[in-house]
Amino acid sequence: MDFTIGFAAFAAVALVGWCIAELKQRACAYNDSEAELQALDAFNTLHLTANDGRELNIDDVMRTISTKGFTA
């Protein structure tokens, strides 16, 4: 009997917490400001021009980072 009451209380608290989290996410929407949108556009433009308009693959990354370490 104690287990069922505990489980029902746990389920009720979990459902209330989940509902609060869902409602908070819908009520407090985030909107980007004009400065943030301009900074994002500048970053994307810089990224596209830096890599000839393509995304780096693992071979490109291995060529540009040091993976051999240091010699003593």
C-alpha atoms as a PDB file:
ATOM      1  CA  MET A   1       0.000   0.000   0.000  1.00  0.00           C
ATOM      2  CA  ASP A   2       2.818   2.430   0.860  1.00  0.00           C
ATOM      3  CA  PHE A   3       4.546   1.698  -2.432  1.00  0.00           C
ATOM      4  CA  THR A   4       1.495   2.582  -4.523  1.00  0.00           C
ATOM      5  CA  ILE A   5       0.968   5.862  -2.654  1.00  0.00           C
ATOM      6  CA  GLY A   6       4.652   6.749  -3.066  1.00  0.00           C
ATOM      7  CA  PHE A   7       4.616   5.866  -6.736  1.00  0.00           C
ATOM      8  CA  ALA A   8       1.430   7.866  -7.335  1.00  0.00           C
ATOM      9  CA  ALA A   9       2.928  10.872  -5.528  1.00  0.00           C
ATOM     10  CA  PHE A  10       6.136  10.580  -7.547  1.00  0.00           C
ATOM     11  CA  ALA A  11       4.201  10.356 -10.810  1.00  0.00           C
ATOM     12  CA  ALA A  12       2.049  13.366  -9.877  1.00  0.00           C
ATOM     13  CA  VAL A  13       5.093  15.500  -8.987  1.00  0.00           C
ATOM     14  CA  ALA A  14       6.865  14.420 -12.176  1.00  0.00           C
ATOM     15  CA  LEU A  15       3.854  15.309 -14.336  1.00  0.00           C
ATOM     16  CA  VAL A  16       3.440  18.704 -12.668  1.00  0.00           C
ATOM     17  CA  GLY A  17       7.144  19.455 -13.159  1.00  0.00           C
ATOM     18  CA  TRP A  18       6.970  18.396 -16.798  1.00  0.00           C
ATOM     19  CA  CYS A  19       3.929  20.606 -17.400  1.00  0.00           C
ATOM     20  CA  ILE A  20       5.650  23.609 -15.796  1.00  0.00           C
ATOM     21  CA  ALA A  21       8.742  23.075 -17.957  1.00  0.00           C
ATOM     22  CA  GLU A  22       6.669  22.833 -21.149  1.00  0.00           C
ATOM     23  CA  LEU A  23       4.643  25.930 -20.334  1.00  0.00           C
ATOM     24  CA  LYS A  24       7.748  27.919 -19.399  1.00  0.00           C
ATOM     25  CA  GLN A  25       9.364  27.074 -22.735  1.00  0.00           C
ATOM     26  CA  ARG A  26       6.285  28.246 -24.636  1.00  0.00           C
ATOM     27  CA  ALA A  27       5.754  31.385 -22.544  1.00  0.00           C
ATOM     28  CA  CYS A  28       9.358  32.625 -22.600  1.00  0.00           C
ATOM     29  CA  ALA A  29      10.257  32.535 -26.288  1.00  0.00           C
ATOM     30  CA  TYR A  30      13.697  33.770 -27.310  1.00  0.00           C
ATOM     31  CA  ASN A  31      13.965  36.256 -30.166  1.00  0.00           C
ATOM     32  CA  ASP A  32      17.268  37.166 -31.797  1.00  0.00           C
ATOM     33  CA  SER A  33      18.144  40.844 -31.806  1.00  0.00           C
ATOM     34  CA  GLU A  34      19.221  42.667 -34.953  1.00  0.00           C
ATOM     35  CA  ALA A  35      22.845  42.801 -33.735  1.00  0.00           C
ATOM     36  CA  GLU A  36      22.895  39.035 -33.170  1.00  0.00           C
ATOM     37  CA  LEU A  37      21.506  38.371 -36.640  1.00  0.00           C
ATOM     38  CA  GLN A  38      24.135  40.640 -38.204  1.00  0.00           C
ATOM     39  CA  ALA A  39      26.922  38.927 -36.239  1.00  0.00           C
ATOM     40  CA  LEU A  40      25.657  35.506 -37.318  1.00  0.00           C
ATOM     41  CA  ASP A  41      25.530  36.610 -40.941  1.00  0.00           C
ATOM     42  CA  ALA A  42      29.091  37.986 -40.725  1.00  0.00           C
ATOM     43  CA  PHE A  43      30.313  34.739 -39.121  1.00  0.00           C
ATOM     44  CA  ASN A  44      28.664  32.599 -41.798  1.00  0.00           C
ATOM     45  CA  THR A  45      30.154  34.747 -44.561  1.00  0.00           C
ATOM     46  CA  LEU A  46      33.611  34.508 -42.999  1.00  0.00           C
ATOM     47  CA  HIS A  47      33.285  30.743 -42.592  1.00  0.00           C
ATOM     48  CA  LEU A  48      32.226  30.237 -46.202  1.00  0.00           C
ATOM     49  CA  THR A  49      35.088  32.316 -47.589  1.00  0.00           C
ATOM     50  CA  ALA A  50      37.691  30.677 -45.327  1.00  0.00           C
ATOM     51  CA  ASN A  51      37.068  27.133 -46.602  1.00  0.00           C
ATOM     52  CA  ASP A  52      36.148  27.814 -50.238  1.00  0.00           C
ATOM     53  CA  GLY A  53      32.476  27.336 -49.415  1.00  0.00           C
ATOM     54  CA  ARG A  54      32.776  23.760 -48.177  1.00  0.00           C
ATOM     55  CA  GLU A  55      32.748  22.068 -44.820  1.00  0.00           C
ATOM     56  CA  LEU A  56      35.984  20.530 -43.537  1.00  0.00           C
ATOM     57  CA  ASN A  57      36.190  16.753 -43.488  1.00  0.00           C
ATOM     58  CA  ILE A  58      38.385  14.707 -41.167  1.00  0.00           C
ATOM     59  CA  ASP A  59      41.369  14.753 -43.550  1.00  0.00           C
ATOM     60  CA  ASP A  60      41.318  18.566 -43.669  1.00  0.00           C
ATOM     61  CA  VAL A  61      41.161  18.733 -39.899  1.00  0.00           C
ATOM     62  CA  MET A  62      44.055  16.292 -39.503  1.00  0.00           C
ATOM     63  CA  ARG A  63      46.163  18.421 -41.873  1.00  0.00           C
ATOM     64  CA  THR A  64      45.523  21.638 -39.962  1.00  0.00           C
ATOM     65  CA  ILE A  65      46.040  20.443 -36.368  1.00  0.00           C
ATOM     66  CA  SER A  66      49.095  19.005 -34.710  1.00  0.00           C
ATOM     67  CA  THR A  67      48.554  15.321 -34.020  1.00  0.00           C
ATOM     68  CA  LYS A  68      52.190  14.254 -33.650  1.00  0.00           C
ATOM     69  CA  GLY A  69      52.907  16.016 -30.369  1.00  0.00           C
ATOM     70  CA  PHE A  70      56.266  17.467 -29.370  1.00  0.00           C
ATOM     71  CA  THR A  71      59.733  15.946 -29.563  1.00  0.00           C
ATOM     72  CA  ALA A  72      61.766  16.014 -26.370  1.00  0.00           C
END
